[in-house]
Amino acid sequence: MGDVLPIILLALAGFLVGGVYATWKTARGFSIMLAVAAVMAVVGGIGWMVYG
């Protein structure tokens, strides 16, 4: 599971970025929350690969 989790986190980040793109014009507050979650997933995935 240790090798798969960073890939899952990066895939989740891509999914969340797509949600940000889709909701930016209609729901800015929600899309900002999605962007924060995407950044956290990217940082977690990269951090897991580097330090894990």
C-alpha atoms as a PDB file:
ATOM      1  CA  MET A   1       0.000   0.000   0.000  1.00  0.00           C
ATOM      2  CA  GLY A   2       2.947   2.320   0.602  1.00  0.00           C
ATOM      3  CA  ASP A   3       3.803   2.437  -3.101  1.00  0.00           C
ATOM      4  CA  VAL A   4       0.237   2.931  -4.273  1.00  0.00           C
ATOM      5  CA  LEU A   5      -0.903   5.682  -1.906  1.00  0.00           C
ATOM      6  CA  PRO A   6       1.101   8.548  -3.491  1.00  0.00           C
ATOM      7  CA  ILE A   7      -0.313   7.622  -6.893  1.00  0.00           C
ATOM      8  CA  ILE A   8      -3.827   7.600  -5.467  1.00  0.00           C
ATOM      9  CA  LEU A   9      -3.256  11.006  -3.859  1.00  0.00           C
ATOM     10  CA  LEU A  10      -1.960  12.500  -7.102  1.00  0.00           C
ATOM     11  CA  ALA A  11      -4.917  11.032  -9.007  1.00  0.00           C
ATOM     12  CA  LEU A  12      -7.262  12.502  -6.407  1.00  0.00           C
ATOM     13  CA  ALA A  13      -5.571  15.871  -6.864  1.00  0.00           C
ATOM     14  CA  GLY A  14      -6.177  15.695 -10.607  1.00  0.00           C
ATOM     15  CA  PHE A  15      -9.820  14.852 -10.007  1.00  0.00           C
ATOM     16  CA  LEU A  16     -10.148  17.800  -7.628  1.00  0.00           C
ATOM     17  CA  VAL A  17      -8.486  20.184 -10.096  1.00  0.00           C
ATOM     18  CA  GLY A  18     -11.060  19.097 -12.654  1.00  0.00           C
ATOM     19  CA  GLY A  19     -13.750  19.964 -10.142  1.00  0.00           C
ATOM     20  CA  VAL A  20     -12.193  23.379  -9.622  1.00  0.00           C
ATOM     21  CA  TYR A  21     -12.220  23.988 -13.361  1.00  0.00           C
ATOM     22  CA  ALA A  22     -15.833  22.874 -13.682  1.00  0.00           C
ATOM     23  CA  THR A  23     -17.205  24.913 -10.775  1.00  0.00           C
ATOM     24  CA  TRP A  24     -15.125  28.095 -11.012  1.00  0.00           C
ATOM     25  CA  LYS A  25     -17.774  30.227 -12.761  1.00  0.00           C
ATOM     26  CA  THR A  26     -20.764  29.027 -10.755  1.00  0.00           C
ATOM     27  CA  ALA A  27     -19.549  28.391  -7.208  1.00  0.00           C
ATOM     28  CA  ARG A  28     -16.324  30.220  -6.434  1.00  0.00           C
ATOM     29  CA  GLY A  29     -16.277  29.413  -2.719  1.00  0.00           C
ATOM     30  CA  PHE A  30     -16.684  25.702  -3.310  1.00  0.00           C
ATOM     31  CA  SER A  31     -14.056  25.729  -6.043  1.00  0.00           C
ATOM     32  CA  ILE A  32     -11.575  27.438  -3.720  1.00  0.00           C
ATOM     33  CA  MET A  33     -12.189  24.695  -1.145  1.00  0.00           C
ATOM     34  CA  LEU A  34     -11.586  22.097  -3.846  1.00  0.00           C
ATOM     35  CA  ALA A  35      -8.370  23.870  -4.849  1.00  0.00           C
ATOM     36  CA  VAL A  36      -7.128  23.793  -1.259  1.00  0.00           C
ATOM     37  CA  ALA A  37      -7.921  20.084  -1.052  1.00  0.00           C
ATOM     38  CA  ALA A  38      -6.101  19.500  -4.361  1.00  0.00           C
ATOM     39  CA  VAL A  39      -2.996  21.297  -3.105  1.00  0.00           C
ATOM     40  CA  MET A  40      -3.086  19.252   0.094  1.00  0.00           C
ATOM     41  CA  ALA A  41      -3.360  16.022  -1.933  1.00  0.00           C
ATOM     42  CA  VAL A  42      -0.414  17.014  -4.149  1.00  0.00           C
ATOM     43  CA  VAL A  43       1.733  17.953  -1.167  1.00  0.00           C
ATOM     44  CA  GLY A  44       0.776  14.739   0.602  1.00  0.00           C
ATOM     45  CA  GLY A  45       1.491  12.593  -2.445  1.00  0.00           C
ATOM     46  CA  ILE A  46       4.854  14.183  -3.171  1.00  0.00           C
ATOM     47  CA  GLY A  47       5.788  14.200   0.490  1.00  0.00           C
ATOM     48  CA  TRP A  48       4.914  10.516   0.784  1.00  0.00           C
ATOM     49  CA  MET A  49       7.084   9.714  -2.256  1.00  0.00           C
ATOM     50  CA  VAL A  50      10.044  11.741  -1.010  1.00  0.00           C
ATOM     51  CA  TYR A  51       9.986  10.963   2.714  1.00  0.00           C
ATOM     52  CA  GLY A  52       7.981   7.729   2.867  1.00  0.00           C
END
